[in-house]
Each structure stands twice: as C-alpha cells, then as structure tokens.
Amino acid sequence: MPSFKIGDRVRLAKGTMLCSSREELNGALGVITELVDDGTRLERITVAYEGGTELRGIYAGIFDRIE
C-alpha cells in the first residue's frame, strides 16, 4: 500500500464495506486533510469531501489514490 500525503486526492476502493454503506461516496473524490499518527502500525487518514462530509482517522488501505 502506498503512503499517502496531505493533499492527495483519493476515492473509496470498490468492494469495501464503507463503499457499500456510504453510497453517496461511491465514486466521489476526496482530499486527504490529515495523517493520523495514533501509535499503531496502520496508516490512518482523514478525508474531506465536497459538501462537508469528512471521514476522520479512517484506515488508508480502503482508498485508491487518484493521480
């Protein structure tokens, strides 16, 4: 899994549980606003979407970076 940085544009990966439960975010482009360092080995990020939706401290492995 690639490391993300603040400002990267991301999309929820298809087939993830969050993608299924948050249909309004399917295909939506988000921007990483925070890298969460909580002392664990998991890479966690905060992603903001247009319209004010924000996913805070979410596992980065469920996102695809958009070049």
N, C-alpha and C. Protein backbone atom coordinates (compact mmCIF):
# COMPACT_ATOMS: atom_id res chain seq x y z
N MET A 1 0.84 -1.18 0.00
CA MET A 1 0.00 0.00 0.00
C MET A 1 0.88 1.24 0.00
N PRO A 2 0.61 2.18 -0.89
CA PRO A 2 1.41 3.40 -0.93
C PRO A 2 1.10 4.29 0.26
N SER A 3 2.11 5.04 0.68
CA SER A 3 1.88 6.03 1.73
C SER A 3 1.23 7.25 1.10
N PHE A 4 0.29 7.79 1.82
CA PHE A 4 -0.42 8.98 1.35
C PHE A 4 0.20 10.22 1.98
N LYS A 5 -0.11 11.37 1.39
CA LYS A 5 0.31 12.65 1.97
C LYS A 5 -0.87 13.61 1.92
N ILE A 6 -0.80 14.63 2.75
CA ILE A 6 -1.86 15.64 2.78
C ILE A 6 -1.97 16.26 1.39
N GLY A 7 -3.19 16.40 0.93
CA GLY A 7 -3.46 16.97 -0.40
C GLY A 7 -3.71 15.93 -1.47
N ASP A 8 -3.35 14.67 -1.20
CA ASP A 8 -3.62 13.62 -2.19
C ASP A 8 -5.13 13.50 -2.41
N ARG A 9 -5.50 13.27 -3.65
CA ARG A 9 -6.90 13.03 -3.99
C ARG A 9 -7.13 11.53 -3.97
N VAL A 10 -8.22 11.11 -3.34
CA VAL A 10 -8.50 9.69 -3.17
C VAL A 10 -9.96 9.38 -3.46
N ARG A 11 -10.22 8.09 -3.69
CA ARG A 11 -11.56 7.58 -3.89
C ARG A 11 -11.67 6.28 -3.09
N LEU A 12 -12.83 6.03 -2.51
CA LEU A 12 -13.04 4.76 -1.80
C LEU A 12 -12.86 3.61 -2.78
N ALA A 13 -12.14 2.58 -2.38
CA ALA A 13 -11.94 1.41 -3.23
C ALA A 13 -13.24 0.65 -3.35
N LYS A 14 -13.52 0.18 -4.55
CA LYS A 14 -14.74 -0.61 -4.77
C LYS A 14 -14.66 -1.92 -4.01
N GLY A 15 -15.80 -2.35 -3.51
CA GLY A 15 -15.86 -3.62 -2.81
C GLY A 15 -15.62 -3.53 -1.32
N THR A 16 -15.31 -2.34 -0.80
CA THR A 16 -15.11 -2.20 0.64
C THR A 16 -16.46 -2.02 1.32
N MET A 17 -16.50 -2.36 2.60
CA MET A 17 -17.76 -2.23 3.35
C MET A 17 -18.21 -0.77 3.42
N LEU A 18 -17.27 0.15 3.59
CA LEU A 18 -17.63 1.55 3.68
C LEU A 18 -18.21 2.05 2.36
N CYS A 19 -17.67 1.58 1.27
CA CYS A 19 -18.18 1.95 -0.05
C CYS A 19 -19.63 1.47 -0.19
N SER A 20 -19.94 0.31 0.35
CA SER A 20 -21.29 -0.23 0.27
C SER A 20 -22.26 0.52 1.17
N SER A 21 -21.78 0.93 2.35
CA SER A 21 -22.68 1.56 3.32
C SER A 21 -22.81 3.06 3.11
N ARG A 22 -21.92 3.68 2.38
CA ARG A 22 -21.97 5.13 2.13
C ARG A 22 -22.09 5.37 0.63
N GLU A 23 -23.25 5.02 0.10
CA GLU A 23 -23.45 5.09 -1.35
C GLU A 23 -23.19 6.48 -1.92
N GLU A 24 -23.41 7.52 -1.12
CA GLU A 24 -23.19 8.88 -1.62
C GLU A 24 -21.71 9.16 -1.89
N LEU A 25 -20.84 8.31 -1.35
CA LEU A 25 -19.41 8.48 -1.55
C LEU A 25 -18.85 7.60 -2.67
N ASN A 26 -19.68 6.72 -3.23
CA ASN A 26 -19.24 5.88 -4.34
C ASN A 26 -18.80 6.75 -5.51
N GLY A 27 -17.55 6.65 -5.87
CA GLY A 27 -17.02 7.41 -6.99
C GLY A 27 -16.68 8.85 -6.65
N ALA A 28 -17.01 9.31 -5.45
CA ALA A 28 -16.73 10.70 -5.07
C ALA A 28 -15.23 10.88 -4.81
N LEU A 29 -14.74 12.03 -5.18
CA LEU A 29 -13.34 12.37 -4.99
C LEU A 29 -13.18 13.10 -3.66
N GLY A 30 -12.26 12.62 -2.84
CA GLY A 30 -11.97 13.27 -1.57
C GLY A 30 -10.53 13.73 -1.53
N VAL A 31 -10.22 14.57 -0.56
CA VAL A 31 -8.86 15.10 -0.38
C VAL A 31 -8.40 14.77 1.03
N ILE A 32 -7.18 14.27 1.14
CA ILE A 32 -6.62 13.96 2.45
C ILE A 32 -6.25 15.27 3.14
N THR A 33 -6.82 15.46 4.34
CA THR A 33 -6.57 16.68 5.10
C THR A 33 -5.71 16.44 6.33
N GLU A 34 -5.53 15.17 6.71
CA GLU A 34 -4.76 14.87 7.91
C GLU A 34 -4.20 13.46 7.84
N LEU A 35 -2.97 13.30 8.31
CA LEU A 35 -2.37 11.99 8.51
C LEU A 35 -2.45 11.72 10.01
N VAL A 36 -3.08 10.63 10.40
CA VAL A 36 -3.32 10.35 11.81
C VAL A 36 -2.22 9.43 12.34
N ASP A 37 -1.50 9.90 13.34
CA ASP A 37 -0.47 9.10 13.99
C ASP A 37 -0.98 8.75 15.38
N ASP A 38 -1.54 7.55 15.51
CA ASP A 38 -2.12 7.14 16.79
C ASP A 38 -1.28 6.07 17.47
N GLY A 39 -0.05 5.89 17.01
CA GLY A 39 0.85 4.93 17.64
C GLY A 39 0.71 3.51 17.13
N THR A 40 -0.21 3.27 16.20
CA THR A 40 -0.36 1.94 15.65
C THR A 40 0.42 1.84 14.33
N ARG A 41 0.53 0.61 13.83
CA ARG A 41 1.23 0.41 12.55
C ARG A 41 0.34 0.72 11.36
N LEU A 42 -0.96 0.85 11.57
CA LEU A 42 -1.87 1.14 10.47
C LEU A 42 -1.73 2.59 10.02
N GLU A 43 -1.75 2.79 8.71
CA GLU A 43 -1.77 4.14 8.17
C GLU A 43 -3.22 4.61 8.19
N ARG A 44 -3.47 5.70 8.91
CA ARG A 44 -4.83 6.24 9.02
C ARG A 44 -4.83 7.69 8.56
N ILE A 45 -5.93 8.07 7.91
CA ILE A 45 -6.03 9.40 7.32
C ILE A 45 -7.41 10.00 7.58
N THR A 46 -7.49 11.31 7.39
CA THR A 46 -8.78 12.00 7.39
C THR A 46 -9.01 12.49 5.97
N VAL A 47 -10.20 12.21 5.45
CA VAL A 47 -10.54 12.57 4.08
C VAL A 47 -11.76 13.49 4.09
N ALA A 48 -11.66 14.62 3.39
CA ALA A 48 -12.77 15.56 3.28
C ALA A 48 -13.35 15.50 1.88
N TYR A 49 -14.68 15.55 1.83
CA TYR A 49 -15.41 15.54 0.56
C TYR A 49 -16.16 16.85 0.39
N GLU A 50 -16.39 17.21 -0.86
CA GLU A 50 -17.19 18.39 -1.15
C GLU A 50 -18.56 18.22 -0.50
N GLY A 51 -19.08 19.28 0.04
CA GLY A 51 -20.37 19.21 0.69
C GLY A 51 -20.27 19.05 2.20
N GLY A 52 -19.03 18.93 2.72
CA GLY A 52 -18.83 18.89 4.15
C GLY A 52 -18.66 17.53 4.78
N THR A 53 -18.82 16.46 4.03
CA THR A 53 -18.62 15.13 4.60
C THR A 53 -17.13 14.93 4.88
N GLU A 54 -16.82 14.37 6.04
CA GLU A 54 -15.44 14.12 6.42
C GLU A 54 -15.36 12.75 7.09
N LEU A 55 -14.40 11.96 6.66
CA LEU A 55 -14.12 10.66 7.29
C LEU A 55 -12.82 10.83 8.07
N ARG A 56 -12.93 10.80 9.39
CA ARG A 56 -11.78 11.09 10.26
C ARG A 56 -11.11 9.81 10.76
N GLY A 57 -9.78 9.77 10.62
CA GLY A 57 -8.99 8.68 11.17
C GLY A 57 -9.31 7.31 10.61
N ILE A 58 -9.61 7.26 9.34
CA ILE A 58 -10.05 6.02 8.68
C ILE A 58 -8.82 5.27 8.12
N TYR A 59 -8.91 3.97 8.08
CA TYR A 59 -7.82 3.13 7.55
C TYR A 59 -7.55 3.49 6.09
N ALA A 60 -6.31 3.85 5.80
CA ALA A 60 -5.93 4.33 4.46
C ALA A 60 -6.03 3.25 3.40
N GLY A 61 -5.98 1.97 3.79
CA GLY A 61 -5.98 0.88 2.83
C GLY A 61 -7.28 0.72 2.05
N ILE A 62 -8.33 1.43 2.44
CA ILE A 62 -9.59 1.31 1.70
C ILE A 62 -9.76 2.41 0.66
N PHE A 63 -8.69 3.17 0.43
CA PHE A 63 -8.74 4.25 -0.56
C PHE A 63 -7.77 3.99 -1.70
N ASP A 64 -8.13 4.47 -2.88
CA ASP A 64 -7.24 4.47 -4.03
C ASP A 64 -6.83 5.90 -4.30
N ARG A 65 -5.53 6.11 -4.51
CA ARG A 65 -5.04 7.45 -4.86
C ARG A 65 -5.41 7.73 -6.32
N ILE A 66 -5.84 8.95 -6.57
CA ILE A 66 -6.19 9.37 -7.93
C ILE A 66 -5.09 10.32 -8.40
N GLU A 67 -4.42 9.94 -9.46
CA GLU A 67 -3.31 10.75 -9.99
C GLU A 67 -3.82 11.93 -10.76
